[in-house]
């Protein structure tokens, strides 16, 4: 990922190490920094990070809505492996859903 790239965050669970499912896209943002760095979230968990300017979503995009979007069925199986590039049309549909109030 590079500065200016957009990112959507899919949350399979409500909380880290929880069993309660979330199964929704819960965040969207834009990469703002050039540096990749490590940050200790808690002892023993030090993931790599990029600086992201997160937008404030109006609503999450639940799995039942995602399944109706064109191109989702090709992307869904790849999500467990990390970052996946989306077709521009799919990204736009997801972002529009998140940032609108549904009216």
PDB file of N, CA and C in Angstrom:
ATOM      1  N   UNK A   1       0.841  -1.175   0.000  1.00  0.00           N
ATOM      2  CA  UNK A   1       0.000   0.000   0.000  1.00  0.00           C
ATOM      3  C   UNK A   1       0.887   1.238   0.000  1.00  0.00           C
ATOM      4  N   UNK A   2       0.354   2.304  -0.620  1.00  0.00           N
ATOM      5  CA  UNK A   2       1.089   3.560  -0.733  1.00  0.00           C
ATOM      6  C   UNK A   2       0.227   4.723  -0.257  1.00  0.00           C
ATOM      7  N   UNK A   3       0.875   5.836  -0.016  1.00  0.00           N
ATOM      8  CA  UNK A   3       0.179   7.074   0.337  1.00  0.00           C
ATOM      9  C   UNK A   3      -0.905   7.335  -0.721  1.00  0.00           C
ATOM     10  N   UNK A   4      -2.110   7.635  -0.253  1.00  0.00           N
ATOM     11  CA  UNK A   4      -3.226   7.915  -1.150  1.00  0.00           C
ATOM     12  C   UNK A   4      -4.119   6.716  -1.421  1.00  0.00           C
ATOM     13  N   UNK A   5      -3.629   5.509  -1.124  1.00  0.00           N
ATOM     14  CA  UNK A   5      -4.472   4.321  -1.293  1.00  0.00           C
ATOM     15  C   UNK A   5      -5.582   4.340  -0.249  1.00  0.00           C
ATOM     16  N   UNK A   6      -6.727   3.810  -0.624  1.00  0.00           N
ATOM     17  CA  UNK A   6      -7.857   3.694   0.298  1.00  0.00           C
ATOM     18  C   UNK A   6      -7.850   2.310   0.929  1.00  0.00           C
ATOM     19  N   UNK A   7      -8.399   2.233   2.142  1.00  0.00           N
ATOM     20  CA  UNK A   7      -8.475   0.952   2.838  1.00  0.00           C
ATOM     21  C   UNK A   7      -9.850   0.818   3.485  1.00  0.00           C
ATOM     22  N   UNK A   8     -10.400  -0.379   3.385  1.00  0.00           N
ATOM     23  CA  UNK A   8     -11.622  -0.756   4.099  1.00  0.00           C
ATOM     24  C   UNK A   8     -11.225  -1.825   5.092  1.00  0.00           C
ATOM     25  N   UNK A   9     -11.831  -1.818   6.266  1.00  0.00           N
ATOM     26  CA  UNK A   9     -11.469  -2.790   7.291  1.00  0.00           C
ATOM     27  C   UNK A   9     -12.641  -3.715   7.558  1.00  0.00           C
ATOM     28  N   UNK A  10     -12.448  -5.003   7.281  1.00  0.00           N
ATOM     29  CA  UNK A  10     -13.446  -6.028   7.559  1.00  0.00           C
ATOM     30  C   UNK A  10     -13.200  -6.589   8.950  1.00  0.00           C
ATOM     31  N   UNK A  11     -14.227  -6.591   9.778  1.00  0.00           N
ATOM     32  CA  UNK A  11     -14.114  -7.099  11.147  1.00  0.00           C
ATOM     33  C   UNK A  11     -14.879  -8.412  11.275  1.00  0.00           C
ATOM     34  N   UNK A  12     -14.175  -9.536  11.341  1.00  0.00           N
ATOM     35  CA  UNK A  12     -14.872 -10.811  11.484  1.00  0.00           C
ATOM     36  C   UNK A  12     -15.494 -10.986  12.869  1.00  0.00           C
ATOM     37  N   UNK A  13     -14.868 -10.349  13.893  1.00  0.00           N
ATOM     38  CA  UNK A  13     -15.352 -10.502  15.267  1.00  0.00           C
ATOM     39  C   UNK A  13     -15.584  -9.134  15.906  1.00  0.00           C
ATOM     40  N   UNK A  14     -16.378  -9.106  16.971  1.00  0.00           N
ATOM     41  CA  UNK A  14     -16.676  -7.861  17.685  1.00  0.00           C
ATOM     42  C   UNK A  14     -15.438  -7.273  18.358  1.00  0.00           C
ATOM     43  N   UNK A  15     -14.596  -8.137  18.909  1.00  0.00           N
ATOM     44  CA  UNK A  15     -13.388  -7.715  19.607  1.00  0.00           C
ATOM     45  C   UNK A  15     -12.284  -8.717  19.325  1.00  0.00           C
ATOM     46  N   UNK A  16     -11.053  -8.257  19.431  1.00  0.00           N
ATOM     47  CA  UNK A  16      -9.904  -9.134  19.267  1.00  0.00           C
ATOM     48  C   UNK A  16     -10.005 -10.281  20.262  1.00  0.00           C
ATOM     49  N   UNK A  17      -9.798 -11.486  19.799  1.00  0.00           N
ATOM     50  CA  UNK A  17      -9.864 -12.718  20.603  1.00  0.00           C
ATOM     51  C   UNK A  17     -11.263 -13.034  21.121  1.00  0.00           C
ATOM     52  N   UNK A  18     -12.270 -12.397  20.580  1.00  0.00           N
ATOM     53  CA  UNK A  18     -13.658 -12.679  20.954  1.00  0.00           C
ATOM     54  C   UNK A  18     -14.218 -13.749  20.033  1.00  0.00           C
ATOM     55  N   UNK A  19     -15.266 -14.397  20.476  1.00  0.00           N
ATOM     56  CA  UNK A  19     -15.967 -15.357  19.617  1.00  0.00           C
ATOM     57  C   UNK A  19     -17.238 -14.746  19.033  1.00  0.00           C
ATOM     58  N   UNK A  20     -17.599 -13.553  19.511  1.00  0.00           N
ATOM     59  CA  UNK A  20     -18.820 -12.903  19.026  1.00  0.00           C
ATOM     60  C   UNK A  20     -18.589 -12.353  17.623  1.00  0.00           C
ATOM     61  N   UNK A  21     -19.357 -12.815  16.651  1.00  0.00           N
ATOM     62  CA  UNK A  21     -19.139 -12.365  15.273  1.00  0.00           C
ATOM     63  C   UNK A  21     -19.576 -10.916  15.053  1.00  0.00           C
ATOM     64  N   UNK A  22     -18.881 -10.268  14.155  1.00  0.00           N
ATOM     65  CA  UNK A  22     -19.271  -8.935  13.687  1.00  0.00           C
ATOM     66  C   UNK A  22     -19.628  -9.057  12.206  1.00  0.00           C
ATOM     67  N   UNK A  23     -18.713  -9.587  11.409  1.00  0.00           N
ATOM     68  CA  UNK A  23     -18.888  -9.858   9.988  1.00  0.00           C
ATOM     69  C   UNK A  23     -19.425  -8.645   9.234  1.00  0.00           C
ATOM     70  N   UNK A  24     -18.651  -7.557   9.304  1.00  0.00           N
ATOM     71  CA  UNK A  24     -19.029  -6.322   8.624  1.00  0.00           C
ATOM     72  C   UNK A  24     -17.779  -5.517   8.301  1.00  0.00           C
ATOM     73  N   UNK A  25     -17.901  -4.662   7.312  1.00  0.00           N
ATOM     74  CA  UNK A  25     -16.865  -3.666   7.066  1.00  0.00           C
ATOM     75  C   UNK A  25     -17.150  -2.539   8.041  1.00  0.00           C
ATOM     76  N   UNK A  26     -16.178  -2.232   8.882  1.00  0.00           N
ATOM     77  CA  UNK A  26     -16.407  -1.310   9.993  1.00  0.00           C
ATOM     78  C   UNK A  26     -15.623  -0.014   9.908  1.00  0.00           C
ATOM     79  N   UNK A  27     -14.666   0.090   8.984  1.00  0.00           N
ATOM     80  CA  UNK A  27     -13.852   1.304   8.904  1.00  0.00           C
ATOM     81  C   UNK A  27     -13.379   1.526   7.475  1.00  0.00           C
ATOM     82  N   UNK A  28     -13.186   2.797   7.139  1.00  0.00           N
ATOM     83  CA  UNK A  28     -12.618   3.144   5.844  1.00  0.00           C
ATOM     84  C   UNK A  28     -11.694   4.346   6.037  1.00  0.00           C
ATOM     85  N   UNK A  29     -10.626   4.381   5.248  1.00  0.00           N
ATOM     86  CA  UNK A  29      -9.672   5.467   5.389  1.00  0.00           C
ATOM     87  C   UNK A  29      -8.727   5.548   4.216  1.00  0.00           C
ATOM     88  N   UNK A  30      -7.752   6.457   4.341  1.00  0.00           N
ATOM     89  CA  UNK A  30      -6.763   6.706   3.300  1.00  0.00           C
ATOM     90  C   UNK A  30      -5.377   6.645   3.930  1.00  0.00           C
ATOM     91  N   UNK A  31      -4.447   5.965   3.270  1.00  0.00           N
ATOM     92  CA  UNK A  31      -3.062   5.895   3.732  1.00  0.00           C
ATOM     93  C   UNK A  31      -2.450   7.296   3.608  1.00  0.00           C
ATOM     94  N   UNK A  32      -1.893   7.801   4.724  1.00  0.00           N
ATOM     95  CA  UNK A  32      -1.325   9.151   4.714  1.00  0.00           C
ATOM     96  C   UNK A  32       0.187   9.165   4.867  1.00  0.00           C
ATOM     97  N   UNK A  33       0.755   8.116   5.397  1.00  0.00           N
ATOM     98  CA  UNK A  33       2.196   8.107   5.642  1.00  0.00           C
ATOM     99  C   UNK A  33       2.934   7.176   4.711  1.00  0.00           C
ATOM    100  N   UNK A  34       4.246   7.384   4.633  1.00  0.00           N
ATOM    101  CA  UNK A  34       5.101   6.542   3.805  1.00  0.00           C
ATOM    102  C   UNK A  34       5.792   5.445   4.603  1.00  0.00           C
ATOM    103  N   UNK A  35       5.855   5.617   5.914  1.00  0.00           N
ATOM    104  CA  UNK A  35       6.592   4.696   6.775  1.00  0.00           C
ATOM    105  C   UNK A  35       5.749   3.482   7.162  1.00  0.00           C
ATOM    106  N   UNK A  36       6.408   2.334   7.211  1.00  0.00           N
ATOM    107  CA  UNK A  36       5.831   1.123   7.805  1.00  0.00           C
ATOM    108  C   UNK A  36       6.569   0.938   9.123  1.00  0.00           C
ATOM    109  N   UNK A  37       5.834   0.766  10.205  1.00  0.00           N
ATOM    110  CA  UNK A  37       6.464   0.678  11.518  1.00  0.00           C
ATOM    111  C   UNK A  37       5.710  -0.325  12.380  1.00  0.00           C
ATOM    112  N   UNK A  38       6.363  -0.767  13.447  1.00  0.00           N
ATOM    113  CA  UNK A  38       5.723  -1.668  14.390  1.00  0.00           C
ATOM    114  C   UNK A  38       5.221  -0.886  15.585  1.00  0.00           C
ATOM    115  N   UNK A  39       4.090  -1.338  16.135  1.00  0.00           N
ATOM    116  CA  UNK A  39       3.493  -0.686  17.291  1.00  0.00           C
ATOM    117  C   UNK A  39       2.957  -1.765  18.225  1.00  0.00           C
ATOM    118  N   UNK A  40       3.352  -1.715  19.487  1.00  0.00           N
ATOM    119  CA  UNK A  40       2.909  -2.719  20.452  1.00  0.00           C
ATOM    120  C   UNK A  40       1.484  -2.404  20.908  1.00  0.00           C
ATOM    121  N   UNK A  41       0.539  -3.229  20.486  1.00  0.00           N
ATOM    122  CA  UNK A  41      -0.866  -3.059  20.874  1.00  0.00           C
ATOM    123  C   UNK A  41      -1.069  -3.500  22.321  1.00  0.00           C
ATOM    124  N   UNK A  42      -0.424  -4.609  22.676  1.00  0.00           N
ATOM    125  CA  UNK A  42      -0.368  -5.103  24.044  1.00  0.00           C
ATOM    126  C   UNK A  42       0.797  -6.077  24.097  1.00  0.00           C
ATOM    127  N   UNK A  43       1.269  -6.456  25.285  1.00  0.00           N
ATOM    128  CA  UNK A  43       2.466  -7.294  25.385  1.00  0.00           C
ATOM    129  C   UNK A  43       2.388  -8.541  24.493  1.00  0.00           C
ATOM    130  N   UNK A  44       3.394  -8.685  23.649  1.00  0.00           N
ATOM    131  CA  UNK A  44       3.478  -9.844  22.784  1.00  0.00           C
ATOM    132  C   UNK A  44       2.786  -9.679  21.439  1.00  0.00           C
ATOM    133  N   UNK A  45       2.064  -8.585  21.232  1.00  0.00           N
ATOM    134  CA  UNK A  45       1.380  -8.345  19.957  1.00  0.00           C
ATOM    135  C   UNK A  45       1.883  -7.023  19.400  1.00  0.00           C
ATOM    136  N   UNK A  46       2.802  -7.132  18.418  1.00  0.00           N
ATOM    137  CA  UNK A  46       3.460  -5.948  17.859  1.00  0.00           C
ATOM    138  C   UNK A  46       3.317  -5.982  16.333  1.00  0.00           C
ATOM    139  N   UNK A  47       2.141  -5.610  15.830  1.00  0.00           N
ATOM    140  CA  UNK A  47       1.923  -5.677  14.384  1.00  0.00           C
ATOM    141  C   UNK A  47       2.574  -4.499  13.647  1.00  0.00           C
ATOM    142  N   UNK A  48       2.699  -4.649  12.346  1.00  0.00           N
ATOM    143  CA  UNK A  48       3.172  -3.558  11.493  1.00  0.00           C
ATOM    144  C   UNK A  48       2.005  -2.628  11.212  1.00  0.00           C
ATOM    145  N   UNK A  49       2.309  -1.352  11.077  1.00  0.00           N
ATOM    146  CA  UNK A  49       1.287  -0.320  10.890  1.00  0.00           C
ATOM    147  C   UNK A  49       1.681   0.650   9.785  1.00  0.00           C
ATOM    148  N   UNK A  50       0.671   1.329   9.264  1.00  0.00           N
ATOM    149  CA  UNK A  50       0.826   2.482   8.371  1.00  0.00           C
ATOM    150  C   UNK A  50      -0.056   3.573   8.941  1.00  0.00           C
ATOM    151  N   UNK A  51       0.297   4.831   8.710  1.00  0.00           N
ATOM    152  CA  UNK A  51      -0.562   5.928   9.151  1.00  0.00           C
ATOM    153  C   UNK A  51      -1.762   6.018   8.209  1.00  0.00           C
ATOM    154  N   UNK A  52      -2.954   6.021   8.802  1.00  0.00           N
ATOM    155  CA  UNK A  52      -4.209   6.051   8.061  1.00  0.00           C
ATOM    156  C   UNK A  52      -5.055   7.210   8.583  1.00  0.00           C
ATOM    157  N   UNK A  53      -5.641   7.966   7.687  1.00  0.00           N
ATOM    158  CA  UNK A  53      -6.636   8.965   8.071  1.00  0.00           C
ATOM    159  C   UNK A  53      -7.999   8.289   7.942  1.00  0.00           C
ATOM    160  N   UNK A  54      -8.576   7.935   9.080  1.00  0.00           N
ATOM    161  CA  UNK A  54      -9.840   7.206   9.092  1.00  0.00           C
ATOM    162  C   UNK A  54     -11.009   8.164   8.911  1.00  0.00           C
ATOM    163  N   UNK A  55     -11.956   7.774   8.068  1.00  0.00           N
ATOM    164  CA  UNK A  55     -13.184   8.535   7.904  1.00  0.00           C
ATOM    165  C   UNK A  55     -14.169   8.069   8.964  1.00  0.00           C
ATOM    166  N   UNK A  56     -15.144   8.897   9.263  1.00  0.00           N
ATOM    167  CA  UNK A  56     -16.150   8.527  10.245  1.00  0.00           C
ATOM    168  C   UNK A  56     -17.341   7.916   9.513  1.00  0.00           C
ATOM    169  N   UNK A  57     -17.487   6.588   9.583  1.00  0.00           N
ATOM    170  CA  UNK A  57     -18.609   5.966   8.882  1.00  0.00           C
ATOM    171  C   UNK A  57     -19.930   6.263   9.577  1.00  0.00           C
ATOM    172  N   UNK A  58     -20.975   6.358   8.786  1.00  0.00           N
ATOM    173  CA  UNK A  58     -22.309   6.544   9.327  1.00  0.00           C
ATOM    174  C   UNK A  58     -22.853   5.194   9.790  1.00  0.00           C
ATOM    175  N   UNK A  59     -22.482   4.155   9.059  1.00  0.00           N
ATOM    176  CA  UNK A  59     -22.944   2.807   9.408  1.00  0.00           C
ATOM    177  C   UNK A  59     -21.962   1.763   8.880  1.00  0.00           C
ATOM    178  N   UNK A  60     -21.986   0.611   9.521  1.00  0.00           N
ATOM    179  CA  UNK A  60     -21.188  -0.524   9.078  1.00  0.00           C
ATOM    180  C   UNK A  60     -21.869  -1.167   7.877  1.00  0.00           C
ATOM    181  N   UNK A  61     -21.110  -1.964   7.126  1.00  0.00           N
ATOM    182  CA  UNK A  61     -21.669  -2.694   5.999  1.00  0.00           C
ATOM    183  C   UNK A  61     -21.686  -4.169   6.388  1.00  0.00           C
ATOM    184  N   UNK A  62     -22.858  -4.688   6.793  1.00  0.00           N
ATOM    185  CA  UNK A  62     -22.928  -6.082   7.244  1.00  0.00           C
ATOM    186  C   UNK A  62     -22.773  -7.077   6.086  1.00  0.00           C
ATOM    187  N   UNK A  63     -22.424  -8.277   6.453  1.00  0.00           N
ATOM    188  CA  UNK A  63     -22.185  -9.333   5.476  1.00  0.00           C
ATOM    189  C   UNK A  63     -23.380  -9.559   4.555  1.00  0.00           C
ATOM    190  N   UNK A  64     -24.606  -9.467   5.078  1.00  0.00           N
ATOM    191  CA  UNK A  64     -25.761  -9.698   4.206  1.00  0.00           C
ATOM    192  C   UNK A  64     -25.875  -8.637   3.113  1.00  0.00           C
ATOM    193  N   UNK A  65     -25.407  -7.414   3.375  1.00  0.00           N
ATOM    194  CA  UNK A  65     -25.382  -6.374   2.339  1.00  0.00           C
ATOM    195  C   UNK A  65     -24.217  -6.623   1.390  1.00  0.00           C
ATOM    196  N   UNK A  66     -23.041  -6.956   1.937  1.00  0.00           N
ATOM    197  CA  UNK A  66     -21.867  -7.219   1.106  1.00  0.00           C
ATOM    198  C   UNK A  66     -22.141  -8.309   0.082  1.00  0.00           C
ATOM    199  N   UNK A  67     -22.867  -9.327   0.471  1.00  0.00           N
ATOM    200  CA  UNK A  67     -23.165 -10.454  -0.430  1.00  0.00           C
ATOM    201  C   UNK A  67     -23.986 -10.035  -1.642  1.00  0.00           C
ATOM    202  N   UNK A  68     -24.666  -8.899  -1.565  1.00  0.00           N
ATOM    203  CA  UNK A  68     -25.496  -8.445  -2.683  1.00  0.00           C
ATOM    204  C   UNK A  68     -24.718  -7.599  -3.688  1.00  0.00           C
ATOM    205  N   UNK A  69     -23.488  -7.232  -3.351  1.00  0.00           N
ATOM    206  CA  UNK A  69     -22.724  -6.337  -4.212  1.00  0.00           C
ATOM    207  C   UNK A  69     -21.963  -7.103  -5.289  1.00  0.00           C
ATOM    208  N   UNK A  70     -21.961  -6.583  -6.517  1.00  0.00           N
ATOM    209  CA  UNK A  70     -21.242  -7.263  -7.593  1.00  0.00           C
ATOM    210  C   UNK A  70     -19.744  -7.315  -7.318  1.00  0.00           C
ATOM    211  N   UNK A  71     -19.168  -8.489  -7.469  1.00  0.00           N
ATOM    212  CA  UNK A  71     -17.746  -8.683  -7.239  1.00  0.00           C
ATOM    213  C   UNK A  71     -17.403  -9.190  -5.850  1.00  0.00           C
ATOM    214  N   UNK A  72     -18.353  -9.146  -4.913  1.00  0.00           N
ATOM    215  CA  UNK A  72     -18.067  -9.572  -3.545  1.00  0.00           C
ATOM    216  C   UNK A  72     -17.712 -11.051  -3.469  1.00  0.00           C
ATOM    217  N   UNK A  73     -18.405 -11.888  -4.218  1.00  0.00           N
ATOM    218  CA  UNK A  73     -18.167 -13.336  -4.119  1.00  0.00           C
ATOM    219  C   UNK A  73     -16.741 -13.710  -4.537  1.00  0.00           C
ATOM    220  N   UNK A  74     -16.112 -12.912  -5.407  1.00  0.00           N
ATOM    221  CA  UNK A  74     -14.730 -13.190  -5.796  1.00  0.00           C
ATOM    222  C   UNK A  74     -13.742 -12.726  -4.721  1.00  0.00           C
ATOM    223  N   UNK A  75     -14.090 -11.701  -3.972  1.00  0.00           N
ATOM    224  CA  UNK A  75     -13.193 -11.126  -2.970  1.00  0.00           C
ATOM    225  C   UNK A  75     -13.285 -11.846  -1.630  1.00  0.00           C
ATOM    226  N   UNK A  76     -14.470 -12.248  -1.233  1.00  0.00           N
ATOM    227  CA  UNK A  76     -14.719 -12.793   0.104  1.00  0.00           C
ATOM    228  C   UNK A  76     -13.745 -13.900   0.518  1.00  0.00           C
ATOM    229  N   UNK A  77     -13.478 -14.908  -0.317  1.00  0.00           N
ATOM    230  CA  UNK A  77     -12.571 -15.971   0.126  1.00  0.00           C
ATOM    231  C   UNK A  77     -11.133 -15.506   0.361  1.00  0.00           C
ATOM    232  N   UNK A  78     -10.751 -14.376  -0.204  1.00  0.00           N
ATOM    233  CA  UNK A  78      -9.379 -13.881  -0.090  1.00  0.00           C
ATOM    234  C   UNK A  78      -9.145 -13.049   1.179  1.00  0.00           C
ATOM    235  N   UNK A  79     -10.208 -12.624   1.852  1.00  0.00           N
ATOM    236  CA  UNK A  79     -10.073 -11.716   2.982  1.00  0.00           C
ATOM    237  C   UNK A  79      -9.237 -12.275   4.125  1.00  0.00           C
ATOM    238  N   UNK A  80      -9.281 -13.562   4.337  1.00  0.00           N
ATOM    239  CA  UNK A  80      -8.543 -14.150   5.463  1.00  0.00           C
ATOM    240  C   UNK A  80      -7.030 -14.067   5.294  1.00  0.00           C
ATOM    241  N   UNK A  81      -6.570 -13.721   4.088  1.00  0.00           N
ATOM    242  CA  UNK A  81      -5.134 -13.686   3.825  1.00  0.00           C
ATOM    243  C   UNK A  81      -4.528 -12.285   3.925  1.00  0.00           C
ATOM    244  N   UNK A  82      -5.322 -11.281   4.280  1.00  0.00           N
ATOM    245  CA  UNK A  82      -4.772  -9.935   4.446  1.00  0.00           C
ATOM    246  C   UNK A  82      -5.384  -8.949   3.477  1.00  0.00           C
ATOM    247  N   UNK A  83      -4.579  -7.994   3.034  1.00  0.00           N
ATOM    248  CA  UNK A  83      -5.072  -6.949   2.142  1.00  0.00           C
ATOM    249  C   UNK A  83      -5.410  -7.513   0.770  1.00  0.00           C
ATOM    250  N   UNK A  84      -6.532  -7.062   0.235  1.00  0.00           N
ATOM    251  CA  UNK A  84      -7.017  -7.503  -1.068  1.00  0.00           C
ATOM    252  C   UNK A  84      -7.410  -6.270  -1.858  1.00  0.00           C
ATOM    253  N   UNK A  85      -6.966  -6.194  -3.098  1.00  0.00           N
ATOM    254  CA  UNK A  85      -7.369  -5.067  -3.944  1.00  0.00           C
ATOM    255  C   UNK A  85      -8.773  -5.323  -4.471  1.00  0.00           C
ATOM    256  N   UNK A  86      -9.623  -4.309  -4.360  1.00  0.00           N
ATOM    257  CA  UNK A  86     -11.011  -4.409  -4.823  1.00  0.00           C
ATOM    258  C   UNK A  86     -11.173  -3.731  -6.167  1.00  0.00           C
ATOM    259  N   UNK A  87     -12.135  -4.205  -6.928  1.00  0.00           N
ATOM    260  CA  UNK A  87     -12.523  -3.482  -8.137  1.00  0.00           C
ATOM    261  C   UNK A  87     -13.035  -2.108  -7.705  1.00  0.00           C
ATOM    262  N   UNK A  88     -12.738  -1.064  -8.466  1.00  0.00           N
ATOM    263  CA  UNK A  88     -13.190   0.280  -8.080  1.00  0.00           C
ATOM    264  C   UNK A  88     -14.696   0.370  -7.837  1.00  0.00           C
ATOM    265  N   UNK A  89     -15.482  -0.357  -8.614  1.00  0.00           N
ATOM    266  CA  UNK A  89     -16.935  -0.315  -8.463  1.00  0.00           C
ATOM    267  C   UNK A  89     -17.374  -0.907  -7.125  1.00  0.00           C
ATOM    268  N   UNK A  90     -16.725  -1.973  -6.706  1.00  0.00           N
ATOM    269  CA  UNK A  90     -17.061  -2.595  -5.428  1.00  0.00           C
ATOM    270  C   UNK A  90     -16.647  -1.682  -4.274  1.00  0.00           C
ATOM    271  N   UNK A  91     -15.446  -1.123  -4.350  1.00  0.00           N
ATOM    272  CA  UNK A  91     -14.996  -0.211  -3.307  1.00  0.00           C
ATOM    273  C   UNK A  91     -15.960   0.968  -3.184  1.00  0.00           C
ATOM    274  N   UNK A  92     -16.333   1.549  -4.305  1.00  0.00           N
ATOM    275  CA  UNK A  92     -17.220   2.715  -4.291  1.00  0.00           C
ATOM    276  C   UNK A  92     -18.578   2.365  -3.682  1.00  0.00           C
ATOM    277  N   UNK A  93     -19.124   1.207  -4.024  1.00  0.00           N
ATOM    278  CA  UNK A  93     -20.423   0.790  -3.473  1.00  0.00           C
ATOM    279  C   UNK A  93     -20.346   0.627  -1.955  1.00  0.00           C
ATOM    280  N   UNK A  94     -19.267   0.020  -1.474  1.00  0.00           N
ATOM    281  CA  UNK A  94     -19.095  -0.175  -0.032  1.00  0.00           C
ATOM    282  C   UNK A  94     -18.934   1.163   0.667  1.00  0.00           C
ATOM    283  N   UNK A  95     -18.075   2.022   0.130  1.00  0.00           N
ATOM    284  CA  UNK A  95     -17.830   3.324   0.758  1.00  0.00           C
ATOM    285  C   UNK A  95     -19.103   4.179   0.764  1.00  0.00           C
ATOM    286  N   UNK A  96     -19.847   4.183  -0.325  1.00  0.00           N
ATOM    287  CA  UNK A  96     -21.088   4.953  -0.373  1.00  0.00           C
ATOM    288  C   UNK A  96     -22.084   4.456   0.666  1.00  0.00           C
ATOM    289  N   UNK A  97     -22.188   3.140   0.836  1.00  0.00           N
ATOM    290  CA  UNK A  97     -23.086   2.582   1.848  1.00  0.00           C
ATOM    291  C   UNK A  97     -22.664   3.053   3.246  1.00  0.00           C
ATOM    292  N   UNK A  98     -21.364   2.977   3.523  1.00  0.00           N
ATOM    293  CA  UNK A  98     -20.857   3.349   4.851  1.00  0.00           C
ATOM    294  C   UNK A  98     -21.079   4.819   5.177  1.00  0.00           C
ATOM    295  N   UNK A  99     -20.949   5.673   4.185  1.00  0.00           N
ATOM    296  CA  UNK A  99     -20.974   7.108   4.428  1.00  0.00           C
ATOM    297  C   UNK A  99     -22.352   7.738   4.233  1.00  0.00           C
ATOM    298  N   UNK A 100     -23.355   6.917   3.867  1.00  0.00           N
ATOM    299  CA  UNK A 100     -24.706   7.457   3.713  1.00  0.00           C
ATOM    300  C   UNK A 100     -25.572   6.988   4.881  1.00  0.00           C
ATOM    301  N   UNK A 101     -26.664   7.696   5.090  1.00  0.00           N
ATOM    302  CA  UNK A 101     -27.555   7.320   6.196  1.00  0.00           C
ATOM    303  C   UNK A 101     -28.683   6.401   5.738  1.00  0.00           C
ATOM    304  N   UNK A 102     -28.657   5.989   4.479  1.00  0.00           N
ATOM    305  CA  UNK A 102     -29.639   5.022   3.988  1.00  0.00           C
ATOM    306  C   UNK A 102     -30.954   5.613   3.532  1.00  0.00           C
ATOM    307  N   UNK A 103     -31.055   6.915   3.524  1.00  0.00           N
ATOM    308  CA  UNK A 103     -32.322   7.519   3.103  1.00  0.00           C
ATOM    309  C   UNK A 103     -32.290   7.889   1.651  1.00  0.00           C
TER     310      UNK A 103
END
